[in-house]
Protein backbone atom coordinates (compact mmCIF):
# COMPACT_ATOMS: atom_id res chain seq x y z
CA MET A 1 116.64 -129.17 -162.20
CA SER A 2 114.29 -132.09 -162.90
CA GLU A 3 113.91 -134.87 -160.37
CA ILE A 4 115.10 -138.36 -161.29
CA LYS A 5 112.31 -140.91 -160.70
CA ARG A 6 113.19 -144.59 -160.48
CA ILE A 7 110.55 -147.29 -160.96
CA GLY A 8 110.91 -150.85 -159.70
CA VAL A 9 114.24 -150.23 -158.00
CA GLY A 10 116.28 -153.36 -157.42
CA ALA A 11 119.75 -154.16 -156.13
CA ARG A 12 121.19 -154.34 -159.67
CA MET A 13 118.91 -152.13 -161.75
CA SER A 14 115.61 -150.30 -161.94
CA GLU A 15 112.75 -151.29 -164.26
CA ALA A 16 112.75 -147.72 -165.54
CA VAL A 17 114.23 -144.29 -164.91
CA ALA A 18 112.42 -141.05 -165.75
CA TYR A 19 114.13 -137.69 -166.10
CA ASN A 20 113.40 -134.43 -167.88
CA GLY A 21 110.28 -135.68 -169.68
CA ILE A 22 111.79 -138.99 -170.86
CA VAL A 23 111.53 -142.52 -169.45
CA TRP A 24 114.08 -145.24 -170.21
CA LEU A 25 112.97 -148.83 -169.62
CA ALA A 26 115.32 -151.66 -168.80
CA GLY A 27 115.29 -154.56 -171.23
CA GLN A 28 112.13 -156.63 -170.88
CA VAL A 29 112.14 -160.38 -171.39
CA GLY A 30 109.39 -162.98 -171.50
CA THR A 31 108.82 -166.36 -169.93
CA PRO A 32 112.02 -168.40 -170.27
CA GLY A 33 111.59 -171.31 -172.67
CA ALA A 34 108.35 -169.99 -174.21
CA SER A 35 108.04 -169.40 -177.97
CA VAL A 36 109.26 -166.18 -179.59
CA GLU A 37 105.61 -165.21 -180.06
CA GLN A 38 104.79 -165.67 -176.37
CA GLN A 39 107.99 -164.03 -175.16
CA THR A 40 107.28 -161.02 -177.38
CA LYS A 41 103.75 -160.77 -175.96
CA ASP A 42 105.17 -161.01 -172.44
CA CYS A 43 107.76 -158.29 -173.14
CA LEU A 44 105.19 -155.92 -174.59
CA ALA A 45 102.78 -156.50 -171.70
CA GLU A 46 105.58 -155.51 -169.31
CA VAL A 47 106.36 -152.45 -171.45
CA ASP A 48 102.68 -151.43 -171.20
CA ARG A 49 102.70 -151.95 -167.42
CA ILE A 50 105.89 -149.99 -166.79
CA LEU A 51 104.91 -147.15 -169.13
CA ALA A 52 101.59 -146.84 -167.26
CA GLU A 53 103.42 -146.74 -163.94
CA ALA A 54 105.65 -143.98 -165.33
CA GLY A 55 102.57 -142.03 -166.44
CA THR A 56 102.74 -142.57 -170.20
CA ASP A 57 101.78 -145.16 -172.82
CA LYS A 58 102.90 -146.84 -176.04
CA THR A 59 101.72 -143.93 -178.21
CA ARG A 60 104.58 -141.91 -176.68
CA ILE A 61 107.41 -144.39 -177.42
CA LEU A 62 110.32 -142.61 -179.09
CA SER A 63 112.60 -145.54 -179.82
CA THR A 64 112.77 -149.29 -179.36
CA GLN A 65 115.62 -151.77 -179.52
CA ILE A 66 114.70 -155.41 -180.02
CA TRP A 67 117.23 -158.16 -179.51
CA LEU A 68 116.54 -161.63 -180.85
CA ALA A 69 118.54 -164.73 -180.00
CA ASP A 70 118.10 -165.75 -183.65
CA MET A 71 117.20 -163.42 -186.53
CA ALA A 72 115.35 -166.36 -188.10
CA SER A 73 112.53 -165.48 -185.66
CA PHE A 74 112.24 -161.90 -187.01
CA ALA A 75 108.89 -162.52 -188.76
CA GLU A 76 107.42 -164.30 -185.71
CA MET A 77 108.35 -161.38 -183.45
CA ASN A 78 107.13 -158.80 -185.99
CA LYS A 79 103.70 -160.47 -186.17
CA VAL A 80 103.20 -159.73 -182.47
CA TRP A 81 104.83 -156.27 -182.67
CA ASP A 82 102.66 -155.22 -185.63
CA ALA A 83 99.47 -156.17 -183.76
CA TRP A 84 100.62 -154.26 -180.64
CA VAL A 85 102.12 -151.01 -181.93
CA PRO A 86 99.51 -148.27 -182.53
CA ALA A 87 99.10 -147.18 -186.17
CA GLY A 88 100.51 -143.71 -186.64
CA HIS A 89 102.66 -144.01 -183.48
CA THR A 90 105.42 -146.35 -184.63
CA PRO A 91 108.72 -145.43 -182.96
CA ALA A 92 112.19 -145.42 -184.39
CA ARG A 93 113.27 -149.06 -184.05
CA ALA A 94 116.31 -151.26 -184.40
CA THR A 95 116.34 -155.05 -184.29
CA GLY A 96 119.44 -157.18 -183.98
CA GLU A 97 120.67 -160.60 -183.02
CA ALA A 98 122.44 -161.09 -179.71
CA LYS A 99 123.32 -163.75 -177.22
CA LEU A 100 120.87 -162.99 -174.39
CA ALA A 101 121.33 -163.58 -170.64
CA THR A 102 120.38 -167.25 -170.85
CA PRO A 103 119.57 -169.56 -173.79
CA GLU A 104 115.92 -169.70 -172.64
CA TYR A 105 115.46 -166.01 -173.49
CA LEU A 106 114.68 -165.48 -177.16
CA VAL A 107 113.56 -161.82 -177.17
CA GLU A 108 114.53 -158.68 -175.24
CA ILE A 109 112.84 -155.32 -175.81
CA ILE A 110 114.21 -151.95 -174.66
CA VAL A 111 112.04 -148.83 -174.88
CA THR A 112 112.52 -145.07 -174.46
CA ALA A 113 109.38 -142.93 -174.26
CA ALA A 114 108.22 -139.38 -173.69
CA LEU A 115 106.24 -138.72 -170.55
CA ASN A 116 102.77 -137.18 -170.75
């Protein structure tokens, strides 16, 4: 049986959990009150960091869920996403609108990836 590896373990949740060749990341958020563009950059930088700690990278992302506080910011978020995601390695992705943890959060990104 495969070992369960937890990354960034906290009292409420872990930053990520790896099991059986897959890593699931907790939702990543950016700097509260920053623009959608900056929050998206912050989220994706955290995704890169956590994936590296898990032993993988963004070319191995299987699926992504993106939650926006307002779908009117879809194009602004996509501008950052499109510059970040590697050509030929785009994951399955869903984007929706949701009320996030606080009104200062405008973007939350959740990633599942294959381990190397």
